[in-house]
N, C-alpha and C. Protein backbone atom coordinates (compact mmCIF):
# COMPACT_ATOMS: atom_id res chain seq x y z
N MET A 1 153.56 42.69 97.08
CA MET A 1 152.65 42.78 98.20
C MET A 1 152.86 44.11 98.90
N ASN A 2 151.78 44.79 99.21
CA ASN A 2 151.86 46.05 99.95
C ASN A 2 151.81 45.78 101.43
N GLU A 3 152.76 46.35 102.14
CA GLU A 3 152.78 46.22 103.58
C GLU A 3 152.72 47.62 104.18
N THR A 4 152.09 47.71 105.32
CA THR A 4 152.01 48.99 106.00
C THR A 4 153.28 49.17 106.82
N THR A 5 153.98 50.28 106.56
CA THR A 5 155.19 50.58 107.33
C THR A 5 154.97 51.87 108.11
N ILE A 6 155.79 52.03 109.12
CA ILE A 6 155.68 53.19 110.00
C ILE A 6 157.08 53.60 110.43
N THR A 7 157.27 54.87 110.67
CA THR A 7 158.51 55.37 111.26
C THR A 7 158.15 56.07 112.56
N LEU A 8 158.77 55.62 113.65
CA LEU A 8 158.50 56.14 114.99
C LEU A 8 159.71 56.89 115.51
N SER A 9 159.46 57.92 116.25
CA SER A 9 160.51 58.61 116.98
C SER A 9 160.05 58.67 118.43
N GLY A 10 160.89 58.23 119.34
CA GLY A 10 160.49 58.24 120.74
C GLY A 10 161.62 57.80 121.64
N ASN A 11 161.26 57.36 122.83
CA ASN A 11 162.24 56.90 123.83
C ASN A 11 161.97 55.46 124.19
N LEU A 12 163.06 54.70 124.42
CA LEU A 12 162.90 53.34 124.91
C LEU A 12 162.40 53.40 126.34
N VAL A 13 161.33 52.69 126.63
CA VAL A 13 160.79 52.66 127.99
C VAL A 13 161.01 51.30 128.65
N SER A 14 161.77 50.44 127.97
CA SER A 14 162.14 49.16 128.55
C SER A 14 163.56 48.84 128.10
N ASP A 15 164.21 47.95 128.83
CA ASP A 15 165.49 47.46 128.36
C ASP A 15 165.22 46.47 127.22
N VAL A 16 166.21 46.22 126.43
CA VAL A 16 166.08 45.26 125.33
C VAL A 16 166.08 43.86 125.91
N GLU A 17 165.06 43.08 125.56
CA GLU A 17 164.98 41.68 125.98
C GLU A 17 165.44 40.85 124.80
N TYR A 18 166.54 40.09 124.97
CA TYR A 18 167.11 39.29 123.89
C TYR A 18 166.96 37.82 124.22
N ARG A 19 166.64 37.04 123.18
CA ARG A 19 166.61 35.59 123.35
C ARG A 19 166.90 34.94 122.01
N THR A 20 167.21 33.66 122.05
CA THR A 20 167.43 32.89 120.84
C THR A 20 166.26 31.94 120.68
N THR A 21 165.67 31.90 119.48
CA THR A 21 164.52 31.03 119.24
C THR A 21 164.98 29.58 119.11
N ALA A 22 164.03 28.65 119.07
CA ALA A 22 164.34 27.23 118.92
C ALA A 22 165.08 26.97 117.61
N ARG A 23 164.86 27.79 116.60
CA ARG A 23 165.55 27.64 115.31
C ARG A 23 166.94 28.26 115.32
N GLY A 24 167.31 28.93 116.42
CA GLY A 24 168.62 29.53 116.53
C GLY A 24 168.70 30.98 116.09
N ASP A 25 167.56 31.59 115.78
CA ASP A 25 167.54 33.00 115.38
C ASP A 25 167.51 33.89 116.61
N GLY A 26 168.28 34.97 116.57
CA GLY A 26 168.24 35.95 117.64
C GLY A 26 167.00 36.81 117.50
N MET A 27 166.37 37.14 118.62
CA MET A 27 165.19 37.99 118.62
C MET A 27 165.31 38.96 119.80
N ALA A 28 165.04 40.23 119.52
CA ALA A 28 165.07 41.23 120.58
C ALA A 28 163.75 41.98 120.58
N ARG A 29 163.28 42.30 121.77
CA ARG A 29 162.04 43.08 121.92
C ARG A 29 162.33 44.27 122.82
N PHE A 30 161.66 45.39 122.49
CA PHE A 30 161.74 46.57 123.33
C PHE A 30 160.51 47.42 123.07
N ARG A 31 160.23 48.33 124.02
CA ARG A 31 159.06 49.21 123.90
C ARG A 31 159.52 50.64 123.68
N VAL A 32 158.80 51.32 122.79
CA VAL A 32 159.10 52.72 122.48
C VAL A 32 157.87 53.55 122.81
N ALA A 33 158.08 54.65 123.51
CA ALA A 33 157.00 55.61 123.81
C ALA A 33 157.20 56.82 122.91
N SER A 34 156.14 57.21 122.24
CA SER A 34 156.18 58.37 121.35
C SER A 34 155.08 59.34 121.77
N THR A 35 155.48 60.57 122.06
CA THR A 35 154.52 61.57 122.52
C THR A 35 154.42 62.69 121.49
N ALA A 36 153.20 62.91 121.02
CA ALA A 36 152.97 64.00 120.07
C ALA A 36 153.02 65.32 120.82
N SER A 37 153.60 66.34 120.20
CA SER A 37 153.65 67.67 120.78
C SER A 37 153.09 68.67 119.78
N ARG A 38 152.48 69.72 120.31
CA ARG A 38 151.98 70.78 119.43
C ARG A 38 152.28 72.11 120.08
N TYR A 39 152.40 73.12 119.24
CA TYR A 39 152.70 74.46 119.73
C TYR A 39 151.40 75.17 120.04
N ASP A 40 151.24 75.62 121.29
CA ASP A 40 150.05 76.35 121.72
C ASP A 40 150.35 77.84 121.61
N ARG A 41 149.78 78.48 120.59
CA ARG A 41 150.07 79.90 120.36
C ARG A 41 149.59 80.79 121.51
N ALA A 42 148.49 80.39 122.14
CA ALA A 42 147.95 81.21 123.23
C ALA A 42 148.95 81.32 124.39
N SER A 43 149.59 80.19 124.74
CA SER A 43 150.54 80.22 125.86
C SER A 43 151.97 80.43 125.38
N GLY A 44 152.20 80.26 124.08
CA GLY A 44 153.54 80.46 123.54
C GLY A 44 154.51 79.36 123.89
N ARG A 45 154.00 78.14 124.12
CA ARG A 45 154.89 77.03 124.46
C ARG A 45 154.39 75.72 123.86
N TRP A 46 155.25 74.74 123.89
CA TRP A 46 154.90 73.41 123.38
C TRP A 46 154.12 72.65 124.44
N VAL A 47 153.10 71.92 124.00
CA VAL A 47 152.25 71.15 124.90
C VAL A 47 152.28 69.69 124.45
N ASP A 48 152.51 68.80 125.40
CA ASP A 48 152.50 67.37 125.08
C ASP A 48 151.09 66.87 124.88
N GLY A 49 150.93 66.00 123.89
CA GLY A 49 149.66 65.33 123.66
C GLY A 49 149.69 63.94 124.27
N ASP A 50 148.94 63.03 123.67
CA ASP A 50 148.88 61.65 124.15
C ASP A 50 150.18 60.91 123.82
N THR A 51 150.52 59.95 124.67
CA THR A 51 151.69 59.10 124.45
C THR A 51 151.21 57.76 123.90
N THR A 52 151.87 57.30 122.84
CA THR A 52 151.57 56.00 122.25
C THR A 52 152.74 55.07 122.53
N TYR A 53 152.45 53.86 122.97
CA TYR A 53 153.48 52.87 123.27
C TYR A 53 153.47 51.79 122.19
N TRP A 54 154.66 51.45 121.71
CA TRP A 54 154.80 50.47 120.64
C TRP A 54 155.73 49.34 121.09
N ASN A 55 155.30 48.09 120.85
CA ASN A 55 156.16 46.93 121.04
C ASN A 55 156.92 46.74 119.73
N VAL A 56 158.25 46.68 119.81
CA VAL A 56 159.08 46.51 118.62
C VAL A 56 159.83 45.19 118.75
N THR A 57 159.84 44.41 117.67
CA THR A 57 160.59 43.16 117.61
C THR A 57 161.57 43.25 116.45
N VAL A 58 162.82 42.87 116.69
CA VAL A 58 163.82 42.81 115.63
C VAL A 58 164.48 41.44 115.66
N TRP A 59 165.02 41.02 114.52
CA TRP A 59 165.51 39.66 114.36
C TRP A 59 166.98 39.60 113.97
N ARG A 60 167.59 38.46 114.25
CA ARG A 60 168.92 38.07 113.82
C ARG A 60 169.99 39.09 114.20
N ARG A 61 170.83 39.51 113.25
CA ARG A 61 171.93 40.43 113.58
C ARG A 61 171.40 41.74 114.14
N ALA A 62 170.27 42.21 113.62
CA ALA A 62 169.69 43.45 114.15
C ALA A 62 169.35 43.28 115.63
N ALA A 63 168.91 42.08 116.02
CA ALA A 63 168.60 41.81 117.42
C ALA A 63 169.86 41.88 118.28
N GLU A 64 170.96 41.32 117.78
CA GLU A 64 172.22 41.40 118.51
C GLU A 64 172.67 42.85 118.65
N ASN A 65 172.54 43.61 117.57
CA ASN A 65 172.96 45.01 117.60
C ASN A 65 172.09 45.82 118.58
N ALA A 66 170.78 45.52 118.62
CA ALA A 66 169.90 46.20 119.58
C ALA A 66 170.32 45.87 121.00
N ARG A 67 170.59 44.60 121.26
CA ARG A 67 171.02 44.16 122.60
C ARG A 67 172.28 44.88 123.04
N ASP A 68 173.23 45.06 122.12
CA ASP A 68 174.53 45.64 122.46
C ASP A 68 174.55 47.16 122.42
N SER A 69 173.51 47.80 121.86
CA SER A 69 173.57 49.24 121.63
C SER A 69 172.50 50.06 122.33
N LEU A 70 171.36 49.48 122.65
CA LEU A 70 170.23 50.26 123.16
C LEU A 70 169.96 49.95 124.63
N ALA A 71 169.45 50.96 125.33
CA ALA A 71 169.06 50.78 126.73
C ALA A 71 167.89 51.71 127.03
N ARG A 72 167.19 51.40 128.10
CA ARG A 72 166.05 52.21 128.53
C ARG A 72 166.45 53.68 128.61
N GLY A 73 165.56 54.55 128.10
CA GLY A 73 165.80 55.98 128.13
C GLY A 73 166.43 56.54 126.87
N HIS A 74 167.01 55.69 126.03
CA HIS A 74 167.64 56.18 124.81
C HIS A 74 166.60 56.72 123.83
N PRO A 75 166.91 57.85 123.18
CA PRO A 75 166.02 58.35 122.12
C PRO A 75 166.29 57.54 120.84
N VAL A 76 165.25 57.04 120.20
CA VAL A 76 165.42 56.18 119.03
C VAL A 76 164.48 56.57 117.90
N VAL A 77 164.85 56.13 116.71
CA VAL A 77 163.99 56.18 115.54
C VAL A 77 163.87 54.74 115.06
N VAL A 78 162.65 54.29 114.80
CA VAL A 78 162.40 52.92 114.35
C VAL A 78 161.55 52.97 113.09
N HIS A 79 161.96 52.23 112.07
CA HIS A 79 161.16 52.09 110.85
C HIS A 79 160.88 50.60 110.69
N GLY A 80 159.62 50.25 110.45
CA GLY A 80 159.31 48.84 110.31
C GLY A 80 157.91 48.57 109.83
N ARG A 81 157.59 47.28 109.78
CA ARG A 81 156.28 46.81 109.34
C ARG A 81 155.31 46.80 110.51
N VAL A 82 154.11 47.27 110.26
CA VAL A 82 153.07 47.23 111.28
C VAL A 82 152.43 45.84 111.24
N ARG A 83 152.33 45.22 112.41
CA ARG A 83 151.72 43.89 112.54
C ARG A 83 150.61 43.98 113.56
N GLN A 84 149.46 43.39 113.23
CA GLN A 84 148.34 43.36 114.17
C GLN A 84 148.05 41.92 114.54
N ARG A 85 147.74 41.72 115.81
CA ARG A 85 147.36 40.40 116.29
C ARG A 85 146.21 40.55 117.27
N THR A 86 145.31 39.58 117.24
CA THR A 86 144.16 39.60 118.13
C THR A 86 144.18 38.35 119.00
N VAL A 87 144.01 38.54 120.30
CA VAL A 87 143.97 37.42 121.24
C VAL A 87 142.72 37.56 122.11
N ASP A 88 142.22 36.44 122.57
CA ASP A 88 141.08 36.46 123.48
C ASP A 88 141.59 36.59 124.91
N ARG A 89 141.04 37.54 125.64
CA ARG A 89 141.41 37.77 127.04
C ARG A 89 140.18 37.64 127.91
N GLU A 90 140.37 37.04 129.07
CA GLU A 90 139.26 36.89 130.02
C GLU A 90 138.89 38.26 130.57
N VAL A 91 137.60 38.52 130.70
CA VAL A 91 137.12 39.79 131.24
C VAL A 91 137.24 39.74 132.76
N PRO A 92 137.95 40.71 133.35
CA PRO A 92 138.08 40.71 134.81
C PRO A 92 136.71 40.83 135.49
N GLY A 93 136.50 40.02 136.48
CA GLY A 93 135.25 40.07 137.23
C GLY A 93 134.11 39.31 136.57
N ALA A 94 134.36 38.70 135.42
CA ALA A 94 133.32 37.91 134.73
C ALA A 94 133.93 36.59 134.29
N PRO A 95 134.08 35.65 135.23
CA PRO A 95 134.69 34.35 134.90
C PRO A 95 133.97 33.67 133.73
N GLY A 96 134.76 33.09 132.85
CA GLY A 96 134.20 32.38 131.70
C GLY A 96 133.86 33.28 130.53
N THR A 97 134.01 34.57 130.69
CA THR A 97 133.71 35.52 129.61
C THR A 97 135.02 36.08 129.07
N SER A 98 135.15 36.06 127.75
CA SER A 98 136.35 36.63 127.15
C SER A 98 135.96 37.60 126.05
N MET A 99 136.90 38.43 125.71
CA MET A 99 136.68 39.38 124.63
C MET A 99 137.97 39.49 123.81
N PRO A 100 137.86 39.75 122.52
CA PRO A 100 139.08 39.89 121.70
C PRO A 100 139.78 41.22 121.99
N VAL A 101 141.10 41.16 122.09
CA VAL A 101 141.93 42.34 122.30
C VAL A 101 142.93 42.39 121.15
N THR A 102 143.03 43.52 120.49
CA THR A 102 143.92 43.66 119.35
C THR A 102 145.16 44.45 119.75
N PHE A 103 146.32 43.91 119.40
CA PHE A 103 147.60 44.55 119.66
C PHE A 103 148.20 44.97 118.33
N THR A 104 148.79 46.14 118.28
CA THR A 104 149.50 46.60 117.09
C THR A 104 150.97 46.72 117.46
N ASP A 105 151.80 45.94 116.77
CA ASP A 105 153.23 45.88 117.03
C ASP A 105 153.99 46.32 115.79
N VAL A 106 155.30 46.51 115.94
CA VAL A 106 156.16 46.88 114.83
C VAL A 106 157.27 45.84 114.72
N GLU A 107 157.46 45.31 113.51
CA GLU A 107 158.61 44.47 113.22
C GLU A 107 159.68 45.41 112.68
N GLY A 108 160.67 45.71 113.50
CA GLY A 108 161.67 46.71 113.15
C GLY A 108 162.56 46.25 112.01
N LEU A 109 162.65 47.06 110.97
CA LEU A 109 163.53 46.79 109.84
C LEU A 109 164.80 47.62 109.94
N HIS A 110 164.65 48.88 110.35
CA HIS A 110 165.77 49.81 110.52
C HIS A 110 165.52 50.57 111.81
N PHE A 111 166.56 50.76 112.61
CA PHE A 111 166.39 51.49 113.85
C PHE A 111 167.74 52.00 114.32
N GLY A 112 167.71 52.96 115.18
CA GLY A 112 168.95 53.47 115.74
C GLY A 112 168.68 54.62 116.68
N LEU A 113 169.75 55.15 117.22
CA LEU A 113 169.63 56.29 118.11
C LEU A 113 169.20 57.51 117.31
N ASP A 114 168.39 58.37 117.91
CA ASP A 114 167.93 59.60 117.26
C ASP A 114 169.00 60.66 117.49
N LEU A 115 169.80 60.90 116.45
CA LEU A 115 170.95 61.79 116.59
C LEU A 115 170.57 63.26 116.65
N THR A 116 169.28 63.58 116.57
CA THR A 116 168.87 64.96 116.83
C THR A 116 168.81 65.21 118.33
N ARG A 117 168.84 64.13 119.13
CA ARG A 117 168.72 64.27 120.58
C ARG A 117 169.86 63.63 121.36
N CYS A 118 170.87 63.08 120.67
CA CYS A 118 172.00 62.50 121.38
C CYS A 118 173.19 62.42 120.43
N ARG A 119 174.33 61.97 120.95
CA ARG A 119 175.52 61.73 120.14
C ARG A 119 175.90 60.27 120.26
N ALA A 120 176.54 59.76 119.22
CA ALA A 120 176.97 58.37 119.24
C ALA A 120 178.24 58.23 118.42
N THR A 121 178.94 57.14 118.61
CA THR A 121 180.09 56.82 117.78
C THR A 121 179.77 55.56 116.99
N PHE A 122 180.37 55.48 115.80
CA PHE A 122 180.10 54.35 114.92
C PHE A 122 181.03 53.19 115.26
N GLN A 123 180.47 51.99 115.25
CA GLN A 123 181.25 50.78 115.43
C GLN A 123 180.64 49.72 114.53
N ARG A 124 181.42 49.22 113.56
CA ARG A 124 180.90 48.24 112.61
C ARG A 124 180.55 46.95 113.35
N ALA A 125 179.40 46.38 113.00
CA ALA A 125 178.96 45.11 113.59
C ALA A 125 179.72 43.96 112.91
N PRO A 126 179.85 42.82 113.58
CA PRO A 126 180.51 41.68 112.97
C PRO A 126 179.79 41.27 111.69
N ILE A 127 180.55 40.80 110.72
CA ILE A 127 179.98 40.38 109.44
C ILE A 127 179.61 38.91 109.52
N GLY A 128 178.55 38.53 108.83
CA GLY A 128 178.12 37.14 108.77
C GLY A 128 176.89 36.91 109.63
N PRO A 129 176.45 35.66 109.66
CA PRO A 129 175.28 35.36 110.49
C PRO A 129 175.62 35.59 111.95
N GLN A 130 174.65 35.45 112.78
CA GLN A 130 174.81 35.73 114.20
C GLN A 130 176.15 35.22 114.68
N THR A 131 177.00 36.15 115.11
CA THR A 131 178.38 35.79 115.40
C THR A 131 178.75 35.88 116.87
N SER A 132 177.90 36.48 117.68
CA SER A 132 178.26 36.64 119.08
C SER A 132 177.28 35.89 119.97
N GLU A 133 177.74 35.56 121.12
CA GLU A 133 176.88 34.94 122.12
C GLU A 133 176.39 36.01 123.07
N ALA A 134 175.26 35.77 123.70
CA ALA A 134 174.73 36.75 124.66
C ALA A 134 175.79 37.01 125.72
N GLY A 135 175.97 38.29 126.02
CA GLY A 135 176.91 38.65 127.05
C GLY A 135 178.28 39.03 126.52
N GLU A 136 178.62 38.61 125.28
CA GLU A 136 179.89 39.01 124.71
C GLU A 136 179.82 40.46 124.29
N GLY A 137 180.87 41.17 124.46
CA GLY A 137 180.92 42.55 124.03
C GLY A 137 181.15 42.65 122.54
N PRO A 138 180.91 43.80 121.95
CA PRO A 138 181.13 43.99 120.53
C PRO A 138 182.62 43.98 120.23
N PRO A 139 183.01 43.70 118.96
CA PRO A 139 184.43 43.66 118.61
C PRO A 139 185.03 45.06 118.64
N PRO A 140 186.37 45.15 118.63
CA PRO A 140 186.99 46.48 118.61
C PRO A 140 186.58 47.24 117.36
N ALA A 141 186.50 48.56 117.48
CA ALA A 141 186.10 49.40 116.35
C ALA A 141 187.18 49.40 115.29
N ALA A 142 186.75 49.50 114.02
CA ALA A 142 187.70 49.62 112.92
C ALA A 142 188.52 50.88 113.13
N GLY A 143 189.80 50.78 112.87
CA GLY A 143 190.65 51.95 113.02
C GLY A 143 191.04 52.21 114.47
N ALA A 144 190.95 51.18 115.31
CA ALA A 144 191.31 51.37 116.70
C ALA A 144 192.75 51.86 116.77
N GLY A 145 193.03 52.75 117.64
CA GLY A 145 194.35 53.31 117.77
C GLY A 145 194.48 54.66 117.08
N GLU A 146 193.52 54.99 116.21
CA GLU A 146 193.54 56.29 115.55
C GLU A 146 193.07 57.34 116.54
N GLN A 147 193.45 58.56 116.30
CA GLN A 147 193.03 59.66 117.15
C GLN A 147 191.55 59.92 116.93
N PRO A 148 190.70 59.92 117.97
CA PRO A 148 189.27 60.15 117.79
C PRO A 148 188.99 61.59 117.35
N ASP A 149 187.89 61.75 116.64
CA ASP A 149 187.43 63.07 116.22
C ASP A 149 187.01 63.84 117.47
N SER A 150 187.50 65.06 117.64
CA SER A 150 187.20 65.84 118.84
C SER A 150 185.72 66.15 118.99
N ARG A 151 184.97 66.15 117.86
CA ARG A 151 183.53 66.42 117.95
C ARG A 151 182.80 65.29 118.63
N ALA A 152 183.36 64.09 118.66
CA ALA A 152 182.69 62.94 119.25
C ALA A 152 183.04 62.78 120.71
N ALA A 153 183.82 63.68 121.27
CA ALA A 153 184.21 63.55 122.66
C ALA A 153 182.98 63.45 123.56
N GLY A 154 183.00 62.45 124.42
CA GLY A 154 181.89 62.28 125.34
C GLY A 154 180.76 61.45 124.75
N ALA A 155 180.82 61.13 123.46
CA ALA A 155 179.74 60.34 122.85
C ALA A 155 179.74 58.96 123.47
N GLY A 156 178.60 58.50 123.81
CA GLY A 156 178.45 57.16 124.35
C GLY A 156 178.75 57.08 125.83
N GLU A 157 179.10 58.17 126.48
CA GLU A 157 179.37 58.12 127.90
C GLU A 157 178.11 57.73 128.66
N GLY A 158 178.29 57.01 129.71
CA GLY A 158 177.15 56.65 130.54
C GLY A 158 176.38 55.44 130.03
N HIS A 159 176.81 54.86 128.92
CA HIS A 159 176.14 53.66 128.40
C HIS A 159 176.90 52.45 128.86
N PRO A 160 176.20 51.47 129.45
CA PRO A 160 176.90 50.29 129.92
C PRO A 160 177.56 49.59 128.73
N GLY A 161 178.81 49.24 128.87
CA GLY A 161 179.47 48.49 127.82
C GLY A 161 180.10 49.36 126.75
N GLY A 162 180.09 50.68 126.89
CA GLY A 162 180.83 51.50 125.93
C GLY A 162 179.93 52.33 125.06
N ALA A 163 180.26 52.37 123.77
CA ALA A 163 179.58 53.26 122.82
C ALA A 163 178.11 52.94 122.73
N ALA A 164 177.34 53.97 122.43
CA ALA A 164 175.89 53.82 122.40
C ALA A 164 175.36 53.53 121.02
N ALA A 165 176.17 53.28 120.05
CA ALA A 165 175.65 53.00 118.72
C ALA A 165 176.20 51.74 118.20
C-alpha cells in the first residue's frame, strides 16, 4: 500500500499533550509551525514566507519519549504519514447550517530535535512496551559516571527535567 509521507522542519508551538487511551496505549500530540524562507536577491536577505501549522500525533513509546523530551519552542524534524479527516462544522452566524472542514494531520513515525539549530545529549529510552507512568522521569543514562564529552557541555540546559533529547 502506498502512503503519503512528509518530512517537516519547524518549531513546536505547543507543549506536548500526553494521554493514555482506553486500550492503554500512550498517545502524544503537539503542533509544529514551519515557515518557508527564500533569498531575496534585490534586498540581499532572507525573507519569510507563509507559515504552515501541523498537528502531529505519535503513539506508544514514541509518545512517552516526546512527553519526556520535547517542549514548546524546540526546533524539530518530524517524518510521518499524512492523514486527512473531514468534519462538519456549524457556520458562524448561520444557525443550522454546516459545512465540511478538512484537516491535514501527521502521524509521526520518526521525530527529534533539529540538531542544525540546537544541541542535545543522547539518553537511551527504556526497552519494552510502555514502561513509565506519566510524571516519572527518564532512567539514568547509559554510562552514567563517565566523563562527559566536552563538546556537549551545556547541551540540554534550560529544558525542564534535564536533557533535551
